[in-house]
Amino acid sequence: MNKLFCIASLALCAQVANAQTQAVPYEYGDKLDIAKLVSLEVPQGGCEVVEAKMTYIDSKGETHVTTYLRQGTECGNF
């Protein structure tokens, strides 16, 4: 029974940790402390402006998620 309780507790802690890492929209001029890039998600959108999501770890080891607007990946440089 104790093992089941421990597993359930760990699962709950993981969900809480995920909930604390909510995406925060980037605003022009924000200073980002990026020590390591974890992931970068850019939806397809041709040359349209899309909302990308970046997950990174800062110099203190804390995980952050930020969203920002960028041009779609399918647009060539002219």
N, C-alpha and C. Protein backbone atom coordinates (compact mmCIF):
# COMPACT_ATOMS: atom_id res chain seq x y z
N MET A 1 0.82 -1.20 0.00
CA MET A 1 0.00 0.00 0.00
C MET A 1 0.86 1.26 0.00
N ASN A 2 1.98 1.24 0.73
CA ASN A 2 2.86 2.40 0.77
C ASN A 2 3.45 2.71 -0.60
N LYS A 3 3.78 1.67 -1.39
CA LYS A 3 4.34 1.89 -2.72
C LYS A 3 3.32 2.59 -3.61
N LEU A 4 2.07 2.18 -3.52
CA LEU A 4 1.02 2.78 -4.33
C LEU A 4 0.85 4.25 -3.95
N PHE A 5 0.89 4.55 -2.67
CA PHE A 5 0.77 5.92 -2.20
C PHE A 5 1.93 6.77 -2.71
N CYS A 6 3.14 6.23 -2.68
CA CYS A 6 4.33 6.95 -3.14
C CYS A 6 4.23 7.25 -4.63
N ILE A 7 3.79 6.27 -5.41
CA ILE A 7 3.65 6.47 -6.85
C ILE A 7 2.60 7.54 -7.14
N ALA A 8 1.49 7.47 -6.44
CA ALA A 8 0.43 8.47 -6.63
C ALA A 8 0.93 9.85 -6.24
N SER A 9 1.70 9.94 -5.17
CA SER A 9 2.25 11.23 -4.73
C SER A 9 3.21 11.80 -5.76
N LEU A 10 4.06 10.95 -6.32
CA LEU A 10 5.01 11.40 -7.34
C LEU A 10 4.28 11.89 -8.59
N ALA A 11 3.24 11.20 -8.98
CA ALA A 11 2.46 11.61 -10.15
C ALA A 11 1.81 12.97 -9.90
N LEU A 12 1.28 13.17 -8.72
CA LEU A 12 0.67 14.44 -8.37
C LEU A 12 1.70 15.56 -8.36
N CYS A 13 2.88 15.30 -7.83
CA CYS A 13 3.96 16.31 -7.80
C CYS A 13 4.37 16.68 -9.22
N ALA A 14 4.42 15.72 -10.12
CA ALA A 14 4.78 15.99 -11.51
C ALA A 14 3.73 16.88 -12.17
N GLN A 15 2.46 16.63 -11.87
CA GLN A 15 1.39 17.46 -12.43
C GLN A 15 1.47 18.88 -11.90
N VAL A 16 1.75 19.02 -10.63
CA VAL A 16 1.88 20.35 -10.02
C VAL A 16 3.06 21.09 -10.64
N ALA A 17 4.17 20.41 -10.84
CA ALA A 17 5.35 21.03 -11.45
C ALA A 17 5.03 21.49 -12.86
N ASN A 18 4.30 20.68 -13.62
CA ASN A 18 3.91 21.07 -14.97
C ASN A 18 2.98 22.28 -14.94
N ALA A 19 2.07 22.32 -14.00
CA ALA A 19 1.13 23.42 -13.91
C ALA A 19 1.85 24.73 -13.59
N GLN A 20 2.95 24.67 -12.86
CA GLN A 20 3.70 25.87 -12.51
C GLN A 20 4.49 26.40 -13.70
N THR A 21 4.67 25.61 -14.73
CA THR A 21 5.43 26.03 -15.89
C THR A 21 4.46 26.45 -16.99
N GLN A 22 3.63 27.43 -16.70
CA GLN A 22 2.68 27.96 -17.68
C GLN A 22 3.42 28.87 -18.66
N ALA A 23 2.99 28.86 -19.89
CA ALA A 23 3.61 29.71 -20.90
C ALA A 23 3.32 31.18 -20.60
N VAL A 24 4.36 31.99 -20.65
CA VAL A 24 4.25 33.42 -20.42
C VAL A 24 4.56 34.13 -21.73
N PRO A 25 3.66 34.97 -22.22
CA PRO A 25 3.93 35.67 -23.49
C PRO A 25 5.14 36.60 -23.36
N TYR A 26 6.03 36.54 -24.35
CA TYR A 26 7.18 37.43 -24.39
C TYR A 26 6.71 38.82 -24.76
N GLU A 27 7.27 39.82 -24.09
CA GLU A 27 7.00 41.21 -24.43
C GLU A 27 8.30 41.87 -24.83
N TYR A 28 8.25 42.72 -25.83
CA TYR A 28 9.44 43.38 -26.34
C TYR A 28 10.24 44.01 -25.19
N GLY A 29 11.52 43.69 -25.13
CA GLY A 29 12.38 44.23 -24.08
C GLY A 29 12.59 43.30 -22.91
N ASP A 30 11.81 42.20 -22.83
CA ASP A 30 12.00 41.23 -21.75
C ASP A 30 13.41 40.66 -21.81
N LYS A 31 14.05 40.53 -20.68
CA LYS A 31 15.37 39.91 -20.59
C LYS A 31 15.18 38.44 -20.24
N LEU A 32 15.62 37.56 -21.13
CA LEU A 32 15.48 36.13 -20.90
C LEU A 32 16.83 35.56 -20.46
N ASP A 33 16.83 34.81 -19.38
CA ASP A 33 18.03 34.15 -18.87
C ASP A 33 18.00 32.70 -19.37
N ILE A 34 18.54 32.48 -20.57
CA ILE A 34 18.48 31.15 -21.19
C ILE A 34 19.84 30.49 -21.07
N ALA A 35 19.92 29.47 -20.22
CA ALA A 35 21.15 28.70 -20.10
C ALA A 35 21.12 27.49 -21.03
N LYS A 36 19.93 26.91 -21.21
CA LYS A 36 19.79 25.73 -22.07
C LYS A 36 18.41 25.74 -22.71
N LEU A 37 18.38 25.57 -24.03
CA LEU A 37 17.11 25.46 -24.74
C LEU A 37 16.62 24.02 -24.66
N VAL A 38 15.40 23.83 -24.18
CA VAL A 38 14.83 22.49 -24.05
C VAL A 38 14.05 22.13 -25.31
N SER A 39 13.17 23.03 -25.75
CA SER A 39 12.40 22.77 -26.97
C SER A 39 11.92 24.07 -27.58
N LEU A 40 11.65 23.99 -28.88
CA LEU A 40 11.12 25.13 -29.62
C LEU A 40 10.03 24.58 -30.54
N GLU A 41 8.80 25.03 -30.35
CA GLU A 41 7.67 24.57 -31.13
C GLU A 41 7.16 25.71 -32.01
N VAL A 42 7.24 25.52 -33.33
CA VAL A 42 6.76 26.53 -34.27
C VAL A 42 5.72 25.87 -35.17
N PRO A 43 4.46 26.28 -35.05
CA PRO A 43 3.43 25.67 -35.90
C PRO A 43 3.61 26.09 -37.35
N GLN A 44 3.16 25.23 -38.25
CA GLN A 44 3.21 25.58 -39.66
C GLN A 44 2.23 26.70 -39.92
N GLY A 45 2.58 27.57 -40.82
CA GLY A 45 1.69 28.69 -41.11
C GLY A 45 2.08 29.44 -42.35
N GLY A 46 2.85 28.79 -43.24
CA GLY A 46 3.27 29.48 -44.45
C GLY A 46 4.09 30.70 -44.08
N CYS A 47 3.70 31.85 -44.62
CA CYS A 47 4.39 33.11 -44.29
C CYS A 47 3.60 33.92 -43.27
N GLU A 48 2.55 33.34 -42.74
CA GLU A 48 1.74 34.04 -41.74
C GLU A 48 2.49 34.15 -40.42
N VAL A 49 2.08 35.08 -39.59
CA VAL A 49 2.63 35.21 -38.24
C VAL A 49 1.98 34.13 -37.38
N VAL A 50 2.82 33.38 -36.66
CA VAL A 50 2.34 32.29 -35.81
C VAL A 50 2.87 32.49 -34.40
N GLU A 51 2.23 31.82 -33.44
CA GLU A 51 2.69 31.87 -32.06
C GLU A 51 3.58 30.65 -31.78
N ALA A 52 4.84 30.90 -31.52
CA ALA A 52 5.79 29.83 -31.21
C ALA A 52 5.90 29.70 -29.70
N LYS A 53 6.33 28.52 -29.25
CA LYS A 53 6.51 28.28 -27.81
C LYS A 53 7.92 27.76 -27.58
N MET A 54 8.62 28.40 -26.66
CA MET A 54 9.98 28.02 -26.32
C MET A 54 10.05 27.61 -24.85
N THR A 55 10.65 26.45 -24.60
CA THR A 55 10.88 25.96 -23.24
C THR A 55 12.38 26.00 -23.01
N TYR A 56 12.79 26.60 -21.90
CA TYR A 56 14.21 26.72 -21.61
C TYR A 56 14.48 26.62 -20.12
N ILE A 57 15.75 26.40 -19.80
CA ILE A 57 16.20 26.34 -18.41
C ILE A 57 17.10 27.56 -18.18
N ASP A 58 16.88 28.26 -17.07
CA ASP A 58 17.68 29.44 -16.78
C ASP A 58 18.96 29.07 -16.03
N SER A 59 19.76 30.06 -15.70
CA SER A 59 21.05 29.82 -15.04
C SER A 59 20.90 29.27 -13.63
N LYS A 60 19.70 29.34 -13.06
CA LYS A 60 19.45 28.78 -11.72
C LYS A 60 18.89 27.36 -11.80
N GLY A 61 18.68 26.84 -13.03
CA GLY A 61 18.16 25.50 -13.20
C GLY A 61 16.65 25.42 -13.22
N GLU A 62 15.96 26.55 -13.27
CA GLU A 62 14.50 26.57 -13.31
C GLU A 62 14.01 26.55 -14.75
N THR A 63 12.92 25.83 -14.99
CA THR A 63 12.35 25.71 -16.32
C THR A 63 11.32 26.81 -16.55
N HIS A 64 11.37 27.40 -17.74
CA HIS A 64 10.43 28.46 -18.13
C HIS A 64 9.87 28.13 -19.51
N VAL A 65 8.65 28.60 -19.75
CA VAL A 65 8.02 28.46 -21.06
C VAL A 65 7.53 29.84 -21.46
N THR A 66 7.90 30.26 -22.66
CA THR A 66 7.44 31.55 -23.16
C THR A 66 6.91 31.39 -24.57
N THR A 67 5.95 32.21 -24.91
CA THR A 67 5.42 32.23 -26.27
C THR A 67 5.79 33.56 -26.90
N TYR A 68 5.92 33.54 -28.22
CA TYR A 68 6.24 34.76 -28.94
C TYR A 68 5.73 34.64 -30.37
N LEU A 69 5.56 35.77 -31.03
CA LEU A 69 5.08 35.79 -32.41
C LEU A 69 6.26 35.81 -33.35
N ARG A 70 6.16 35.04 -34.44
CA ARG A 70 7.22 35.00 -35.45
C ARG A 70 6.61 34.62 -36.79
N GLN A 71 7.40 34.80 -37.82
CA GLN A 71 6.96 34.43 -39.15
C GLN A 71 6.97 32.91 -39.29
N GLY A 72 6.04 32.37 -40.03
CA GLY A 72 5.97 30.93 -40.26
C GLY A 72 7.25 30.37 -40.88
N THR A 73 7.46 29.08 -40.70
CA THR A 73 8.69 28.46 -41.15
C THR A 73 8.76 28.22 -42.64
N GLU A 74 7.64 28.32 -43.34
CA GLU A 74 7.62 28.01 -44.76
C GLU A 74 7.82 29.23 -45.65
N CYS A 75 8.29 30.31 -45.08
CA CYS A 75 8.46 31.54 -45.83
C CYS A 75 9.95 31.71 -46.18
N GLY A 76 10.27 31.85 -47.45
CA GLY A 76 11.66 32.03 -47.87
C GLY A 76 12.13 33.45 -47.60
N ASN A 77 13.41 33.61 -47.49
CA ASN A 77 14.00 34.95 -47.31
C ASN A 77 14.13 35.62 -48.67
N PHE A 78 13.52 36.78 -48.83
CA PHE A 78 13.57 37.49 -50.10
C PHE A 78 14.49 38.67 -50.00
